[in-house]
Protein backbone atom coordinates (compact mmCIF):
# COMPACT_ATOMS: atom_id res chain seq x y z
CA UNK A 1 0.00 0.00 0.00
CA UNK A 2 3.03 2.32 0.19
CA UNK A 3 5.91 2.59 -2.27
CA UNK A 4 8.79 5.03 -1.94
CA UNK A 5 11.53 5.64 -4.45
CA UNK A 6 14.07 8.18 -5.64
CA UNK A 7 13.72 9.88 -9.01
CA UNK A 8 17.27 10.99 -9.89
CA UNK A 9 16.25 12.97 -12.98
CA UNK A 10 13.24 14.29 -14.91
CA UNK A 11 13.56 11.23 -17.19
CA UNK A 12 12.93 9.00 -14.18
CA UNK A 13 9.86 11.07 -13.26
CA UNK A 14 8.58 10.64 -16.82
CA UNK A 15 9.26 6.88 -16.70
CA UNK A 16 7.26 6.50 -13.49
CA UNK A 17 4.43 8.62 -14.92
CA UNK A 18 4.33 6.42 -18.03
CA UNK A 19 4.16 3.30 -15.83
CA UNK A 20 1.25 4.81 -13.89
CA UNK A 21 -0.51 5.84 -17.11
CA UNK A 22 -0.15 2.41 -18.69
CA UNK A 23 -1.43 0.77 -15.46
CA UNK A 24 -4.61 2.87 -15.29
CA UNK A 25 -7.86 1.07 -16.10
CA UNK A 26 -10.31 3.96 -15.76
CA UNK A 27 -12.08 5.68 -12.91
CA UNK A 28 -9.01 6.08 -10.71
CA UNK A 29 -8.20 9.23 -8.77
CA UNK A 30 -4.67 10.43 -8.07
CA UNK A 31 -3.98 13.12 -5.48
CA UNK A 32 -0.65 14.91 -5.94
CA UNK A 33 1.11 16.75 -3.12
CA UNK A 34 4.36 18.67 -3.04
CA UNK A 35 5.88 22.14 -3.17
CA UNK A 36 6.19 24.28 -6.29
CA UNK A 37 8.63 22.76 -8.76
CA UNK A 38 8.52 19.30 -7.19
CA UNK A 39 7.61 17.63 -10.49
CA UNK A 40 3.83 17.24 -10.22
CA UNK A 41 3.12 18.48 -13.75
CA UNK A 42 6.10 16.52 -15.13
CA UNK A 43 4.63 13.37 -13.58
CA UNK A 44 1.25 14.16 -15.18
CA UNK A 45 3.00 14.50 -18.58
CA UNK A 46 4.30 10.96 -18.14
CA UNK A 47 0.87 9.71 -17.05
CA UNK A 48 -0.69 11.29 -20.16
CA UNK A 49 1.96 9.64 -22.35
CA UNK A 50 1.25 6.29 -20.66
CA UNK A 51 -2.41 6.76 -21.58
CA UNK A 52 -1.51 7.50 -25.19
CA UNK A 53 -2.40 11.20 -24.97
CA UNK A 54 -0.18 13.91 -26.39
CA UNK A 55 2.10 14.56 -23.43
CA UNK A 56 3.62 17.71 -24.98
CA UNK A 57 0.19 19.36 -24.63
CA UNK A 58 0.22 18.86 -20.84
CA UNK A 59 0.80 22.09 -18.98
CA UNK A 60 0.00 23.17 -15.47
CA UNK A 61 -3.69 24.16 -15.48
CA UNK A 62 -3.07 26.78 -12.78
CA UNK A 63 -5.03 29.54 -14.52
CA UNK A 64 -7.83 27.44 -16.04
CA UNK A 65 -7.94 24.93 -13.15
CA UNK A 66 -8.75 21.91 -15.33
CA UNK A 67 -7.47 20.45 -18.57
CA UNK A 68 -8.86 17.36 -20.27
CA UNK A 69 -6.75 15.06 -22.42
CA UNK A 70 -7.80 12.15 -24.61
CA UNK A 71 -5.86 8.92 -24.76
CA UNK A 72 -7.09 5.35 -24.35
CA UNK A 73 -8.90 6.75 -21.27
CA UNK A 74 -10.03 10.34 -20.64
CA UNK A 75 -7.73 12.26 -18.27
CA UNK A 76 -8.87 15.24 -16.19
CA UNK A 77 -5.86 17.19 -14.89
CA UNK A 78 -6.82 19.57 -12.10
CA UNK A 79 -4.67 22.19 -10.37
CA UNK A 80 -6.09 23.64 -7.15
CA UNK A 81 -3.12 25.92 -6.38
CA UNK A 82 -5.01 29.19 -6.81
CA UNK A 83 -8.12 28.14 -4.90
CA UNK A 84 -8.50 29.47 -1.38
CA UNK A 85 -11.65 27.86 -0.02
CA UNK A 86 -13.71 24.69 -0.17
CA UNK A 87 -16.49 26.77 -1.75
CA UNK A 88 -14.18 27.58 -4.68
CA UNK A 89 -13.28 23.89 -4.99
CA UNK A 90 -16.98 22.97 -5.04
CA UNK A 91 -17.64 25.55 -7.78
CA UNK A 92 -15.47 23.78 -10.39
CA UNK A 93 -17.65 20.64 -10.34
CA UNK A 94 -14.79 18.29 -9.62
CA UNK A 95 -17.02 15.57 -8.18
CA UNK A 96 -18.66 15.22 -11.63
CA UNK A 97 -15.39 13.67 -12.84
CA UNK A 98 -15.23 11.00 -10.10
CA UNK A 99 -17.43 8.52 -11.95
CA UNK A 100 -17.12 6.53 -15.12
CA UNK A 101 -13.86 5.90 -16.92
CA UNK A 102 -12.26 9.33 -16.45
CA UNK A 103 -8.93 9.31 -14.64
CA UNK A 104 -8.67 12.34 -12.35
CA UNK A 105 -5.27 13.72 -11.36
CA UNK A 106 -5.36 16.57 -8.84
CA UNK A 107 -2.36 18.80 -8.15
CA UNK A 108 -2.42 20.55 -4.76
CA UNK A 109 -4.94 17.97 -3.53
CA UNK A 110 -4.39 19.19 0.04
CA UNK A 111 -6.69 22.12 -0.87
CA UNK A 112 -9.66 19.73 -1.33
CA UNK A 113 -9.53 17.09 1.40
CA UNK A 114 -13.31 16.88 1.76
CA UNK A 115 -14.03 16.32 -1.92
CA UNK A 116 -11.45 13.62 -2.67
CA UNK A 117 -12.79 10.09 -3.10
CA UNK A 118 -11.85 7.77 -0.24
CA UNK A 119 -10.13 5.33 -2.63
CA UNK A 120 -7.30 7.23 -4.31
CA UNK A 121 -3.59 6.99 -5.00
CA UNK A 122 -1.84 9.71 -3.01
CA UNK A 123 1.48 10.81 -4.48
CA UNK A 124 3.85 12.96 -2.44
CA UNK A 125 6.78 14.52 -4.34
CA UNK A 126 9.70 16.24 -2.60
CA UNK A 127 12.86 17.99 -3.78
CA UNK A 128 16.13 16.18 -3.09
CA UNK A 129 18.42 18.23 -5.35
CA UNK A 130 17.80 20.59 -8.25
CA UNK A 131 17.15 17.63 -10.58
CA UNK A 132 16.19 14.78 -8.27
CA UNK A 133 13.04 14.06 -6.32
CA UNK A 134 11.79 11.57 -3.79
CA UNK A 135 8.32 10.20 -4.23
CA UNK A 136 5.94 8.30 -2.00
CA UNK A 137 2.86 6.60 -3.42
CA UNK A 138 0.15 5.54 -0.96
CA UNK A 139 -2.98 3.57 -1.84
CA UNK A 140 -6.05 4.31 0.28
CA UNK A 141 -8.37 1.54 -0.92
CA UNK A 142 -8.74 -1.56 -3.12
CA UNK A 143 -8.84 0.24 -6.50
CA UNK A 144 -5.76 2.31 -5.73
CA UNK A 145 -3.97 -0.71 -4.21
CA UNK A 146 -4.49 -2.62 -7.45
CA UNK A 147 -3.25 0.40 -9.44
CA UNK A 148 -0.16 0.65 -7.24
CA UNK A 149 0.61 -3.07 -7.74
CA UNK A 150 0.21 -2.78 -11.54
CA UNK A 151 2.34 0.38 -11.58
CA UNK A 152 5.18 -1.31 -9.67
CA UNK A 153 5.11 -4.25 -12.10
CA UNK A 154 5.11 -2.01 -15.18
CA UNK A 155 7.81 0.25 -13.74
CA UNK A 156 10.11 -2.67 -12.90
CA UNK A 157 9.69 -4.15 -16.38
CA UNK A 158 10.28 -0.87 -18.23
CA UNK A 159 13.75 0.10 -19.36
CA UNK A 160 15.47 2.59 -17.06
CA UNK A 161 16.39 5.90 -18.69
CA UNK A 162 20.00 6.19 -19.78
CA UNK A 163 22.13 8.61 -17.87
CA UNK A 164 23.97 11.20 -19.91
CA UNK A 165 24.52 11.16 -23.64
CA UNK A 166 24.99 7.96 -25.62
CA UNK A 167 28.58 6.98 -26.19
CA UNK A 168 29.93 7.04 -29.70
CA UNK A 169 31.29 3.86 -31.15
CA UNK A 170 35.06 3.55 -31.26
CA UNK A 171 36.96 1.99 -34.10
CA UNK A 172 39.97 -0.11 -33.20
CA UNK A 173 42.99 -0.44 -35.42
CA UNK A 174 42.54 2.78 -37.36
CA UNK A 175 44.92 5.61 -36.86
CA UNK A 176 44.15 9.19 -37.71
CA UNK A 177 46.75 11.10 -39.71
C-alpha atoms as a PDB file:
ATOM      1  CA  UNK A   1       0.000   0.000   0.000  1.00  0.00           C
ATOM      2  CA  UNK A   2       3.027   2.315   0.189  1.00  0.00           C
ATOM      3  CA  UNK A   3       5.908   2.592  -2.265  1.00  0.00           C
ATOM      4  CA  UNK A   4       8.793   5.027  -1.941  1.00  0.00           C
ATOM      5  CA  UNK A   5      11.525   5.643  -4.455  1.00  0.00           C
ATOM      6  CA  UNK A   6      14.069   8.178  -5.643  1.00  0.00           C
ATOM      7  CA  UNK A   7      13.724   9.876  -9.007  1.00  0.00           C
ATOM      8  CA  UNK A   8      17.270  10.990  -9.894  1.00  0.00           C
ATOM      9  CA  UNK A   9      16.247  12.971 -12.984  1.00  0.00           C
ATOM     10  CA  UNK A  10      13.235  14.291 -14.907  1.00  0.00           C
ATOM     11  CA  UNK A  11      13.559  11.234 -17.189  1.00  0.00           C
ATOM     12  CA  UNK A  12      12.931   9.002 -14.184  1.00  0.00           C
ATOM     13  CA  UNK A  13       9.858  11.065 -13.261  1.00  0.00           C
ATOM     14  CA  UNK A  14       8.582  10.638 -16.824  1.00  0.00           C
ATOM     15  CA  UNK A  15       9.260   6.885 -16.704  1.00  0.00           C
ATOM     16  CA  UNK A  16       7.263   6.502 -13.488  1.00  0.00           C
ATOM     17  CA  UNK A  17       4.433   8.620 -14.920  1.00  0.00           C
ATOM     18  CA  UNK A  18       4.327   6.425 -18.028  1.00  0.00           C
ATOM     19  CA  UNK A  19       4.158   3.303 -15.830  1.00  0.00           C
ATOM     20  CA  UNK A  20       1.253   4.805 -13.889  1.00  0.00           C
ATOM     21  CA  UNK A  21      -0.506   5.837 -17.110  1.00  0.00           C
ATOM     22  CA  UNK A  22      -0.145   2.408 -18.685  1.00  0.00           C
ATOM     23  CA  UNK A  23      -1.431   0.769 -15.460  1.00  0.00           C
ATOM     24  CA  UNK A  24      -4.609   2.873 -15.291  1.00  0.00           C
ATOM     25  CA  UNK A  25      -7.860   1.069 -16.096  1.00  0.00           C
ATOM     26  CA  UNK A  26     -10.314   3.959 -15.758  1.00  0.00           C
ATOM     27  CA  UNK A  27     -12.083   5.682 -12.911  1.00  0.00           C
ATOM     28  CA  UNK A  28      -9.007   6.077 -10.708  1.00  0.00           C
ATOM     29  CA  UNK A  29      -8.198   9.233  -8.773  1.00  0.00           C
ATOM     30  CA  UNK A  30      -4.673  10.429  -8.066  1.00  0.00           C
ATOM     31  CA  UNK A  31      -3.980  13.118  -5.481  1.00  0.00           C
ATOM     32  CA  UNK A  32      -0.645  14.913  -5.941  1.00  0.00           C
ATOM     33  CA  UNK A  33       1.106  16.750  -3.123  1.00  0.00           C
ATOM     34  CA  UNK A  34       4.364  18.668  -3.040  1.00  0.00           C
ATOM     35  CA  UNK A  35       5.884  22.139  -3.172  1.00  0.00           C
ATOM     36  CA  UNK A  36       6.195  24.283  -6.294  1.00  0.00           C
ATOM     37  CA  UNK A  37       8.626  22.758  -8.765  1.00  0.00           C
ATOM     38  CA  UNK A  38       8.524  19.297  -7.186  1.00  0.00           C
ATOM     39  CA  UNK A  39       7.607  17.630 -10.487  1.00  0.00           C
ATOM     40  CA  UNK A  40       3.833  17.241 -10.222  1.00  0.00           C
ATOM     41  CA  UNK A  41       3.119  18.477 -13.750  1.00  0.00           C
ATOM     42  CA  UNK A  42       6.103  16.519 -15.133  1.00  0.00           C
ATOM     43  CA  UNK A  43       4.635  13.372 -13.581  1.00  0.00           C
ATOM     44  CA  UNK A  44       1.249  14.159 -15.177  1.00  0.00           C
ATOM     45  CA  UNK A  45       2.995  14.497 -18.576  1.00  0.00           C
ATOM     46  CA  UNK A  46       4.303  10.964 -18.140  1.00  0.00           C
ATOM     47  CA  UNK A  47       0.865   9.714 -17.047  1.00  0.00           C
ATOM     48  CA  UNK A  48      -0.690  11.292 -20.158  1.00  0.00           C
ATOM     49  CA  UNK A  49       1.957   9.636 -22.348  1.00  0.00           C
ATOM     50  CA  UNK A  50       1.254   6.294 -20.661  1.00  0.00           C
ATOM     51  CA  UNK A  51      -2.409   6.756 -21.577  1.00  0.00           C
ATOM     52  CA  UNK A  52      -1.509   7.497 -25.194  1.00  0.00           C
ATOM     53  CA  UNK A  53      -2.404  11.195 -24.971  1.00  0.00           C
ATOM     54  CA  UNK A  54      -0.178  13.913 -26.390  1.00  0.00           C
ATOM     55  CA  UNK A  55       2.101  14.565 -23.435  1.00  0.00           C
ATOM     56  CA  UNK A  56       3.622  17.712 -24.978  1.00  0.00           C
ATOM     57  CA  UNK A  57       0.193  19.357 -24.627  1.00  0.00           C
ATOM     58  CA  UNK A  58       0.224  18.858 -20.840  1.00  0.00           C
ATOM     59  CA  UNK A  59       0.796  22.094 -18.977  1.00  0.00           C
ATOM     60  CA  UNK A  60      -0.002  23.165 -15.469  1.00  0.00           C
ATOM     61  CA  UNK A  61      -3.690  24.161 -15.478  1.00  0.00           C
ATOM     62  CA  UNK A  62      -3.074  26.785 -12.778  1.00  0.00           C
ATOM     63  CA  UNK A  63      -5.033  29.545 -14.519  1.00  0.00           C
ATOM     64  CA  UNK A  64      -7.825  27.443 -16.044  1.00  0.00           C
ATOM     65  CA  UNK A  65      -7.944  24.933 -13.151  1.00  0.00           C
ATOM     66  CA  UNK A  66      -8.754  21.906 -15.326  1.00  0.00           C
ATOM     67  CA  UNK A  67      -7.475  20.453 -18.571  1.00  0.00           C
ATOM     68  CA  UNK A  68      -8.863  17.364 -20.273  1.00  0.00           C
ATOM     69  CA  UNK A  69      -6.747  15.057 -22.415  1.00  0.00           C
ATOM     70  CA  UNK A  70      -7.801  12.153 -24.613  1.00  0.00           C
ATOM     71  CA  UNK A  71      -5.865   8.920 -24.758  1.00  0.00           C
ATOM     72  CA  UNK A  72      -7.091   5.347 -24.350  1.00  0.00           C
ATOM     73  CA  UNK A  73      -8.902   6.753 -21.274  1.00  0.00           C
ATOM     74  CA  UNK A  74     -10.031  10.336 -20.635  1.00  0.00           C
ATOM     75  CA  UNK A  75      -7.732  12.258 -18.270  1.00  0.00           C
ATOM     76  CA  UNK A  76      -8.867  15.238 -16.190  1.00  0.00           C
ATOM     77  CA  UNK A  77      -5.859  17.194 -14.895  1.00  0.00           C
ATOM     78  CA  UNK A  78      -6.817  19.574 -12.103  1.00  0.00           C
ATOM     79  CA  UNK A  79      -4.673  22.195 -10.372  1.00  0.00           C
ATOM     80  CA  UNK A  80      -6.090  23.644  -7.152  1.00  0.00           C
ATOM     81  CA  UNK A  81      -3.117  25.917  -6.377  1.00  0.00           C
ATOM     82  CA  UNK A  82      -5.012  29.193  -6.814  1.00  0.00           C
ATOM     83  CA  UNK A  83      -8.122  28.144  -4.896  1.00  0.00           C
ATOM     84  CA  UNK A  84      -8.497  29.468  -1.382  1.00  0.00           C
ATOM     85  CA  UNK A  85     -11.650  27.857  -0.020  1.00  0.00           C
ATOM     86  CA  UNK A  86     -13.705  24.688  -0.171  1.00  0.00           C
ATOM     87  CA  UNK A  87     -16.488  26.770  -1.749  1.00  0.00           C
ATOM     88  CA  UNK A  88     -14.180  27.585  -4.678  1.00  0.00           C
ATOM     89  CA  UNK A  89     -13.276  23.891  -4.987  1.00  0.00           C
ATOM     90  CA  UNK A  90     -16.978  22.965  -5.043  1.00  0.00           C
ATOM     91  CA  UNK A  91     -17.643  25.548  -7.782  1.00  0.00           C
ATOM     92  CA  UNK A  92     -15.475  23.778 -10.386  1.00  0.00           C
ATOM     93  CA  UNK A  93     -17.651  20.638 -10.344  1.00  0.00           C
ATOM     94  CA  UNK A  94     -14.790  18.287  -9.616  1.00  0.00           C
ATOM     95  CA  UNK A  95     -17.016  15.573  -8.180  1.00  0.00           C
ATOM     96  CA  UNK A  96     -18.661  15.220 -11.634  1.00  0.00           C
ATOM     97  CA  UNK A  97     -15.393  13.666 -12.842  1.00  0.00           C
ATOM     98  CA  UNK A  98     -15.228  11.000 -10.104  1.00  0.00           C
ATOM     99  CA  UNK A  99     -17.428   8.520 -11.946  1.00  0.00           C
ATOM    100  CA  UNK A 100     -17.123   6.534 -15.118  1.00  0.00           C
ATOM    101  CA  UNK A 101     -13.863   5.896 -16.916  1.00  0.00           C
ATOM    102  CA  UNK A 102     -12.263   9.328 -16.454  1.00  0.00           C
ATOM    103  CA  UNK A 103      -8.928   9.314 -14.642  1.00  0.00           C
ATOM    104  CA  UNK A 104      -8.671  12.340 -12.350  1.00  0.00           C
ATOM    105  CA  UNK A 105      -5.265  13.722 -11.356  1.00  0.00           C
ATOM    106  CA  UNK A 106      -5.360  16.570  -8.842  1.00  0.00           C
ATOM    107  CA  UNK A 107      -2.363  18.796  -8.154  1.00  0.00           C
ATOM    108  CA  UNK A 108      -2.419  20.553  -4.762  1.00  0.00           C
ATOM    109  CA  UNK A 109      -4.937  17.974  -3.525  1.00  0.00           C
ATOM    110  CA  UNK A 110      -4.393  19.194   0.043  1.00  0.00           C
ATOM    111  CA  UNK A 111      -6.694  22.116  -0.866  1.00  0.00           C
ATOM    112  CA  UNK A 112      -9.658  19.735  -1.331  1.00  0.00           C
ATOM    113  CA  UNK A 113      -9.526  17.089   1.402  1.00  0.00           C
ATOM    114  CA  UNK A 114     -13.311  16.883   1.764  1.00  0.00           C
ATOM    115  CA  UNK A 115     -14.027  16.318  -1.920  1.00  0.00           C
ATOM    116  CA  UNK A 116     -11.445  13.617  -2.672  1.00  0.00           C
ATOM    117  CA  UNK A 117     -12.792  10.091  -3.103  1.00  0.00           C
ATOM    118  CA  UNK A 118     -11.854   7.767  -0.235  1.00  0.00           C
ATOM    119  CA  UNK A 119     -10.125   5.325  -2.632  1.00  0.00           C
ATOM    120  CA  UNK A 120      -7.302   7.226  -4.312  1.00  0.00           C
ATOM    121  CA  UNK A 121      -3.588   6.987  -5.003  1.00  0.00           C
ATOM    122  CA  UNK A 122      -1.838   9.709  -3.010  1.00  0.00           C
ATOM    123  CA  UNK A 123       1.476  10.815  -4.481  1.00  0.00           C
ATOM    124  CA  UNK A 124       3.852  12.962  -2.439  1.00  0.00           C
ATOM    125  CA  UNK A 125       6.781  14.519  -4.341  1.00  0.00           C
ATOM    126  CA  UNK A 126       9.696  16.240  -2.603  1.00  0.00           C
ATOM    127  CA  UNK A 127      12.856  17.987  -3.784  1.00  0.00           C
ATOM    128  CA  UNK A 128      16.130  16.177  -3.093  1.00  0.00           C
ATOM    129  CA  UNK A 129      18.417  18.231  -5.347  1.00  0.00           C
ATOM    130  CA  UNK A 130      17.800  20.591  -8.249  1.00  0.00           C
ATOM    131  CA  UNK A 131      17.154  17.633 -10.579  1.00  0.00           C
ATOM    132  CA  UNK A 132      16.191  14.776  -8.268  1.00  0.00           C
ATOM    133  CA  UNK A 133      13.040  14.059  -6.321  1.00  0.00           C
ATOM    134  CA  UNK A 134      11.792  11.570  -3.793  1.00  0.00           C
ATOM    135  CA  UNK A 135       8.315  10.196  -4.235  1.00  0.00           C
ATOM    136  CA  UNK A 136       5.944   8.303  -2.004  1.00  0.00           C
ATOM    137  CA  UNK A 137       2.865   6.599  -3.419  1.00  0.00           C
ATOM    138  CA  UNK A 138       0.146   5.539  -0.959  1.00  0.00           C
ATOM    139  CA  UNK A 139      -2.979   3.570  -1.836  1.00  0.00           C
ATOM    140  CA  UNK A 140      -6.052   4.312   0.276  1.00  0.00           C
ATOM    141  CA  UNK A 141      -8.374   1.542  -0.916  1.00  0.00           C
ATOM    142  CA  UNK A 142      -8.737  -1.556  -3.117  1.00  0.00           C
ATOM    143  CA  UNK A 143      -8.843   0.239  -6.500  1.00  0.00           C
ATOM    144  CA  UNK A 144      -5.762   2.313  -5.735  1.00  0.00           C
ATOM    145  CA  UNK A 145      -3.971  -0.710  -4.212  1.00  0.00           C
ATOM    146  CA  UNK A 146      -4.487  -2.624  -7.450  1.00  0.00           C
ATOM    147  CA  UNK A 147      -3.252   0.405  -9.438  1.00  0.00           C
ATOM    148  CA  UNK A 148      -0.162   0.650  -7.242  1.00  0.00           C
ATOM    149  CA  UNK A 149       0.613  -3.067  -7.742  1.00  0.00           C
ATOM    150  CA  UNK A 150       0.209  -2.781 -11.543  1.00  0.00           C
ATOM    151  CA  UNK A 151       2.344   0.375 -11.585  1.00  0.00           C
ATOM    152  CA  UNK A 152       5.176  -1.315  -9.675  1.00  0.00           C
ATOM    153  CA  UNK A 153       5.106  -4.252 -12.104  1.00  0.00           C
ATOM    154  CA  UNK A 154       5.114  -2.006 -15.182  1.00  0.00           C
ATOM    155  CA  UNK A 155       7.812   0.253 -13.737  1.00  0.00           C
ATOM    156  CA  UNK A 156      10.106  -2.668 -12.898  1.00  0.00           C
ATOM    157  CA  UNK A 157       9.687  -4.151 -16.377  1.00  0.00           C
ATOM    158  CA  UNK A 158      10.278  -0.872 -18.226  1.00  0.00           C
ATOM    159  CA  UNK A 159      13.746   0.098 -19.358  1.00  0.00           C
ATOM    160  CA  UNK A 160      15.470   2.591 -17.056  1.00  0.00           C
ATOM    161  CA  UNK A 161      16.393   5.903 -18.690  1.00  0.00           C
ATOM    162  CA  UNK A 162      20.002   6.195 -19.784  1.00  0.00           C
ATOM    163  CA  UNK A 163      22.132   8.614 -17.869  1.00  0.00           C
ATOM    164  CA  UNK A 164      23.966  11.202 -19.914  1.00  0.00           C
ATOM    165  CA  UNK A 165      24.520  11.162 -23.642  1.00  0.00           C
ATOM    166  CA  UNK A 166      24.995   7.962 -25.622  1.00  0.00           C
ATOM    167  CA  UNK A 167      28.585   6.983 -26.189  1.00  0.00           C
ATOM    168  CA  UNK A 168      29.926   7.038 -29.698  1.00  0.00           C
ATOM    169  CA  UNK A 169      31.290   3.858 -31.154  1.00  0.00           C
ATOM    170  CA  UNK A 170      35.063   3.548 -31.258  1.00  0.00           C
ATOM    171  CA  UNK A 171      36.955   1.987 -34.099  1.00  0.00           C
ATOM    172  CA  UNK A 172      39.969  -0.109 -33.198  1.00  0.00           C
ATOM    173  CA  UNK A 173      42.993  -0.441 -35.423  1.00  0.00           C
ATOM    174  CA  UNK A 174      42.542   2.780 -37.362  1.00  0.00           C
ATOM    175  CA  UNK A 175      44.924   5.613 -36.863  1.00  0.00           C
ATOM    176  CA  UNK A 176      44.149   9.195 -37.710  1.00  0.00           C
ATOM    177  CA  UNK A 177      46.751  11.099 -39.706  1.00  0.00           C
END
